N, C-alpha and C. Protein backbone atom coordinates (compact mmCIF):
# COMPACT_ATOMS: atom_id res chain seq x y z
N MET A 1 16.60 35.19 -23.80
CA MET A 1 16.47 34.69 -22.47
C MET A 1 17.11 35.98 -21.22
N TYR A 2 16.78 35.85 -19.97
CA TYR A 2 16.21 36.53 -19.00
C TYR A 2 16.83 36.34 -18.19
N THR A 3 18.06 36.34 -17.37
CA THR A 3 18.68 36.02 -16.24
C THR A 3 18.24 37.18 -14.85
N ALA A 4 18.08 36.28 -13.62
CA ALA A 4 18.06 37.16 -12.42
C ALA A 4 19.44 36.42 -11.14
N ILE A 5 20.05 37.29 -10.64
CA ILE A 5 20.78 36.75 -10.25
C ILE A 5 20.92 37.50 -8.63
N ARG A 6 20.55 36.38 -7.87
CA ARG A 6 20.21 37.35 -6.27
C ARG A 6 21.02 37.06 -5.18
N ARG A 7 22.38 37.53 -4.71
CA ARG A 7 23.00 37.80 -3.86
C ARG A 7 22.46 37.87 -2.58
N TYR A 8 22.94 37.09 -1.82
CA TYR A 8 23.03 37.09 -0.47
C TYR A 8 24.21 37.49 0.40
N GLU A 9 24.00 37.96 1.29
CA GLU A 9 25.15 38.39 1.87
C GLU A 9 25.03 38.44 3.87
N GLY A 10 25.63 37.60 4.42
CA GLY A 10 25.47 37.70 5.78
C GLY A 10 24.49 36.40 6.13
N VAL A 11 24.96 35.40 5.35
CA VAL A 11 24.56 33.94 5.41
C VAL A 11 25.06 33.65 6.62
N THR A 12 24.27 32.88 7.49
CA THR A 12 24.86 32.24 8.90
C THR A 12 25.40 30.63 8.33
N GLU A 13 24.57 29.98 7.77
CA GLU A 13 24.62 28.53 7.33
C GLU A 13 24.48 28.57 6.00
N PRO A 14 25.56 29.03 5.24
CA PRO A 14 25.32 29.10 3.82
C PRO A 14 24.88 27.15 2.91
N ALA A 15 25.45 26.48 3.97
CA ALA A 15 25.35 24.81 3.26
C ALA A 15 23.74 24.51 3.48
N GLU A 16 23.39 25.02 4.34
CA GLU A 16 21.60 24.87 5.37
C GLU A 16 20.63 25.69 3.94
N VAL A 17 21.36 26.70 3.37
CA VAL A 17 20.59 27.79 2.54
C VAL A 17 20.55 26.98 1.27
N VAL A 18 21.61 26.29 0.57
CA VAL A 18 22.45 25.78 -0.93
C VAL A 18 20.97 24.64 -0.37
N LYS A 19 21.30 23.54 0.36
CA LYS A 19 20.37 22.55 0.69
C LYS A 19 18.93 22.70 0.52
N ARG A 20 18.35 23.73 1.23
CA ARG A 20 16.51 24.10 1.06
C ARG A 20 16.37 24.90 -0.24
N ALA A 21 17.35 25.16 -0.59
CA ALA A 21 17.32 26.14 -2.18
C ALA A 21 17.08 25.21 -3.44
N THR A 22 18.31 24.08 -3.28
CA THR A 22 18.18 23.04 -4.14
C THR A 22 17.17 22.06 -4.20
N GLU A 23 16.35 21.79 -2.62
CA GLU A 23 15.44 20.58 -2.54
C GLU A 23 14.19 21.47 -2.14
N GLU A 24 13.75 22.74 -2.26
CA GLU A 24 12.92 22.94 -1.93
C GLU A 24 12.37 24.37 -2.92
N PHE A 25 13.24 25.05 -2.85
CA PHE A 25 12.64 26.18 -4.04
C PHE A 25 13.15 25.89 -5.41
N ALA A 26 13.87 24.88 -5.92
CA ALA A 26 14.01 24.92 -7.10
C ALA A 26 12.71 24.04 -7.77
N PRO A 27 12.42 23.04 -7.23
CA PRO A 27 11.74 22.56 -7.46
C PRO A 27 10.39 23.07 -8.13
N MET A 28 9.93 24.24 -7.40
CA MET A 28 8.90 24.75 -7.56
C MET A 28 9.04 25.74 -8.78
N LEU A 29 10.53 26.04 -9.37
CA LEU A 29 11.12 26.51 -10.56
C LEU A 29 11.26 26.27 -11.88
N ARG A 30 11.10 24.75 -11.56
CA ARG A 30 11.27 23.55 -13.23
C ARG A 30 9.72 23.68 -13.29
N ASP A 31 8.44 24.32 -12.57
CA ASP A 31 7.33 23.77 -13.33
C ASP A 31 6.56 25.04 -14.00
N LYS A 32 7.57 26.30 -13.79
CA LYS A 32 6.68 27.61 -14.09
C LYS A 32 7.27 28.00 -15.94
N PRO A 33 6.35 28.74 -16.34
CA PRO A 33 6.67 28.32 -17.79
C PRO A 33 7.99 29.19 -18.13
N GLY A 34 8.22 28.72 -18.91
CA GLY A 34 9.77 29.49 -19.56
C GLY A 34 10.97 29.10 -18.89
N PHE A 35 10.74 28.18 -18.08
CA PHE A 35 11.96 28.10 -17.14
C PHE A 35 13.23 27.47 -17.94
N ILE A 36 14.24 27.89 -17.74
CA ILE A 36 15.71 27.48 -18.63
C ILE A 36 16.43 26.67 -17.43
N GLY A 37 16.84 27.09 -16.33
CA GLY A 37 17.54 26.99 -15.91
C GLY A 37 17.81 27.56 -14.34
N TYR A 38 18.16 26.84 -13.42
CA TYR A 38 18.54 27.34 -11.43
C TYR A 38 19.82 26.82 -11.18
N TRP A 39 20.44 27.61 -10.75
CA TRP A 39 21.88 27.24 -10.46
C TRP A 39 21.74 28.22 -8.86
N ILE A 40 22.96 27.24 -8.02
CA ILE A 40 23.10 28.15 -6.69
C ILE A 40 24.59 28.05 -6.50
N VAL A 41 25.16 29.42 -5.75
CA VAL A 41 26.59 29.38 -5.79
C VAL A 41 26.78 29.43 -4.13
N ASP A 42 27.93 28.86 -3.98
CA ASP A 42 28.19 29.27 -2.32
C ASP A 42 29.80 29.55 -2.30
N ALA A 43 29.74 31.19 -2.66
CA ALA A 43 30.78 31.72 -2.52
C ALA A 43 31.80 32.03 -1.28
N GLY A 44 31.55 31.68 -0.37
CA GLY A 44 32.13 31.42 0.75
C GLY A 44 31.78 33.01 1.79
N GLU A 45 32.47 32.96 2.46
CA GLU A 45 32.43 33.82 3.31
C GLU A 45 30.94 34.48 3.82
N GLY A 46 29.57 33.44 3.90
CA GLY A 46 28.80 34.11 4.19
C GLY A 46 28.17 34.86 3.05
N VAL A 47 28.17 34.39 1.68
CA VAL A 47 27.80 34.92 0.88
C VAL A 47 27.29 33.76 -0.18
N VAL A 48 25.93 33.84 -0.74
CA VAL A 48 25.45 33.01 -1.55
C VAL A 48 24.78 33.26 -2.44
N SER A 49 24.72 33.02 -3.41
CA SER A 49 24.03 33.54 -5.21
C SER A 49 22.99 32.50 -5.45
N THR A 50 22.10 32.73 -5.81
CA THR A 50 21.21 32.24 -7.13
C THR A 50 21.44 32.68 -8.64
N ILE A 51 21.29 31.74 -9.25
CA ILE A 51 20.65 32.00 -10.78
C ILE A 51 19.62 31.43 -11.22
N SER A 52 18.53 32.25 -11.71
CA SER A 52 17.39 31.96 -12.51
C SER A 52 17.78 32.12 -13.74
N VAL A 53 17.26 31.65 -14.94
CA VAL A 53 17.33 31.87 -15.88
C VAL A 53 15.79 31.33 -17.07
N PHE A 54 15.17 32.27 -17.63
CA PHE A 54 13.33 31.66 -18.00
C PHE A 54 13.87 32.53 -19.32
N GLU A 55 12.90 32.14 -20.25
CA GLU A 55 12.68 32.67 -21.86
C GLU A 55 12.32 34.07 -21.60
N THR A 56 11.48 34.55 -20.46
CA THR A 56 11.17 36.04 -20.62
C THR A 56 11.26 36.67 -19.26
N ARG A 57 11.56 37.97 -19.84
CA ARG A 57 11.95 38.84 -18.47
C ARG A 57 10.22 38.71 -17.27
N GLU A 58 9.25 38.74 -17.56
CA GLU A 58 7.64 38.90 -16.99
C GLU A 58 8.31 37.56 -15.95
N ALA A 59 8.96 36.24 -16.81
CA ALA A 59 9.14 35.12 -15.86
C ALA A 59 10.29 35.28 -15.11
N ALA A 60 11.26 35.74 -15.06
CA ALA A 60 12.51 36.17 -14.35
C ALA A 60 12.06 37.02 -12.97
N GLU A 61 11.00 37.73 -13.76
CA GLU A 61 10.92 38.87 -12.55
C GLU A 61 9.84 38.18 -11.81
N ALA A 62 8.84 37.25 -12.04
CA ALA A 62 7.83 36.36 -10.75
C ALA A 62 8.99 35.37 -10.13
N SER A 63 10.27 35.07 -10.94
CA SER A 63 11.00 34.02 -9.83
C SER A 63 11.45 34.83 -8.52
N THR A 64 11.88 36.42 -8.80
CA THR A 64 12.43 36.61 -8.03
C THR A 64 11.26 37.15 -6.79
N GLU A 65 10.41 37.50 -7.54
CA GLU A 65 9.30 37.52 -6.36
C GLU A 65 9.20 36.54 -5.27
N ALA A 66 9.11 35.31 -5.93
CA ALA A 66 8.45 34.04 -5.48
C ALA A 66 9.87 33.64 -4.17
N ALA A 67 11.07 33.96 -4.81
CA ALA A 67 12.16 33.96 -4.31
C ALA A 67 12.27 34.70 -2.66
N ALA A 68 11.50 36.15 -2.90
CA ALA A 68 11.72 36.58 -1.61
C ALA A 68 10.47 36.14 -0.86
N GLY A 69 9.33 35.94 -1.05
CA GLY A 69 7.98 35.36 -0.21
C GLY A 69 8.85 33.77 0.18
N TRP A 70 9.41 32.90 -0.24
CA TRP A 70 10.27 31.85 0.14
C TRP A 70 11.08 31.72 1.02
N ALA A 71 12.13 32.96 0.62
CA ALA A 71 12.81 33.15 1.97
C ALA A 71 12.83 33.63 2.69
N ARG A 72 11.72 34.53 2.82
CA ARG A 72 10.93 35.13 4.21
C ARG A 72 10.41 34.21 5.08
N GLU A 73 9.89 33.24 4.04
CA GLU A 73 9.35 31.77 4.93
C GLU A 73 9.90 31.03 5.59
N ARG A 74 11.47 30.32 4.70
CA ARG A 74 12.16 29.59 4.95
C ARG A 74 13.47 29.55 4.65
N LEU A 75 13.94 30.86 5.11
CA LEU A 75 15.53 31.26 5.71
C LEU A 75 15.43 32.55 6.33
N ALA A 76 14.46 33.12 6.61
CA ALA A 76 14.55 34.05 7.94
C ALA A 76 15.36 33.83 9.05
N ASP A 77 15.68 32.44 9.48
CA ASP A 77 16.81 32.24 10.79
C ASP A 77 18.26 32.07 10.27
N LEU A 78 18.20 32.57 8.62
CA LEU A 78 19.88 31.94 8.02
C LEU A 78 20.65 33.03 7.13
N ILE A 79 19.84 34.15 7.07
CA ILE A 79 20.46 35.33 6.09
C ILE A 79 19.43 36.40 6.74
N THR A 80 20.15 37.48 6.80
CA THR A 80 19.96 39.26 7.68
C THR A 80 19.23 39.99 6.49
N GLY A 81 19.12 39.95 5.20
CA GLY A 81 18.11 40.93 4.92
C GLY A 81 18.33 40.84 3.21
N PRO A 82 17.96 41.21 2.72
CA PRO A 82 17.53 41.25 1.33
C PRO A 82 18.32 41.21 0.35
N PRO A 83 18.22 39.67 -0.99
CA PRO A 83 19.16 40.24 -1.43
C PRO A 83 20.02 41.43 -2.68
N GLN A 84 20.99 41.31 -3.01
CA GLN A 84 20.71 42.31 -3.95
C GLN A 84 20.66 41.56 -5.47
N VAL A 85 19.56 42.27 -6.20
CA VAL A 85 19.41 41.41 -7.34
C VAL A 85 19.90 42.25 -8.63
N THR A 86 20.84 41.37 -9.73
CA THR A 86 20.58 42.10 -10.70
C THR A 86 20.08 41.19 -11.53
N ALA A 87 19.29 42.03 -13.27
CA ALA A 87 18.65 41.11 -13.53
C ALA A 87 18.85 41.70 -15.18
N GLY A 88 18.94 40.80 -15.83
CA GLY A 88 18.53 41.98 -17.56
C GLY A 88 18.61 40.75 -18.34
N PRO A 89 18.76 41.20 -19.75
CA PRO A 89 18.71 39.82 -20.91
C PRO A 89 20.16 39.37 -21.10
N THR A 90 19.84 38.13 -21.33
CA THR A 90 21.09 37.11 -21.69
C THR A 90 21.64 36.86 -22.87
N THR A 91 22.83 37.25 -22.64
CA THR A 91 23.61 36.46 -24.48
C THR A 91 25.05 35.79 -23.88
N GLY A 92 24.70 34.51 -24.63
CA GLY A 92 26.48 34.07 -24.35
C GLY A 92 26.66 32.78 -24.97
N VAL A 93 27.59 31.98 -24.44
CA VAL A 93 27.36 30.53 -25.38
C VAL A 93 27.37 29.42 -24.23
N GLN A 94 26.78 28.58 -25.12
CA GLN A 94 26.30 27.24 -23.87
C GLN A 94 26.95 26.12 -24.97
N ALA A 95 27.87 25.34 -24.07
CA ALA A 95 28.30 24.10 -24.26
C ALA A 95 27.39 23.15 -25.13
N GLY A 96 27.58 22.43 -26.61
CA GLY A 96 27.09 21.88 -27.65
C GLY A 96 25.58 22.49 -28.00
N ARG A 97 25.42 23.98 -28.03
CA ARG A 97 24.30 24.44 -29.21
C ARG A 97 25.30 25.55 -29.68
N ASP A 98 24.33 25.83 -31.10
CA ASP A 98 25.28 26.90 -31.72
C ASP A 98 24.47 28.11 -31.77
């Protein structure tokens, strides 16, 4: 697995960003090859993070590129700049799985 975390600071309307990401961007990811999951975190104080998990590095990197284009098009009025991106191979434990 490979995870990309995008952290947006200076978000002027976090609830609207979460709504648009959930309703518009998440469905776009769902159909991508290797998609495992997508989560959005409203961390408060104008910080919103997204977490995308894919089977491969290439798919996760493609999601970050797609997110950048989508955010420029759909969130320019709500965010003040590009996100801080953290990405890499993922290991861990998941409920109900060995």
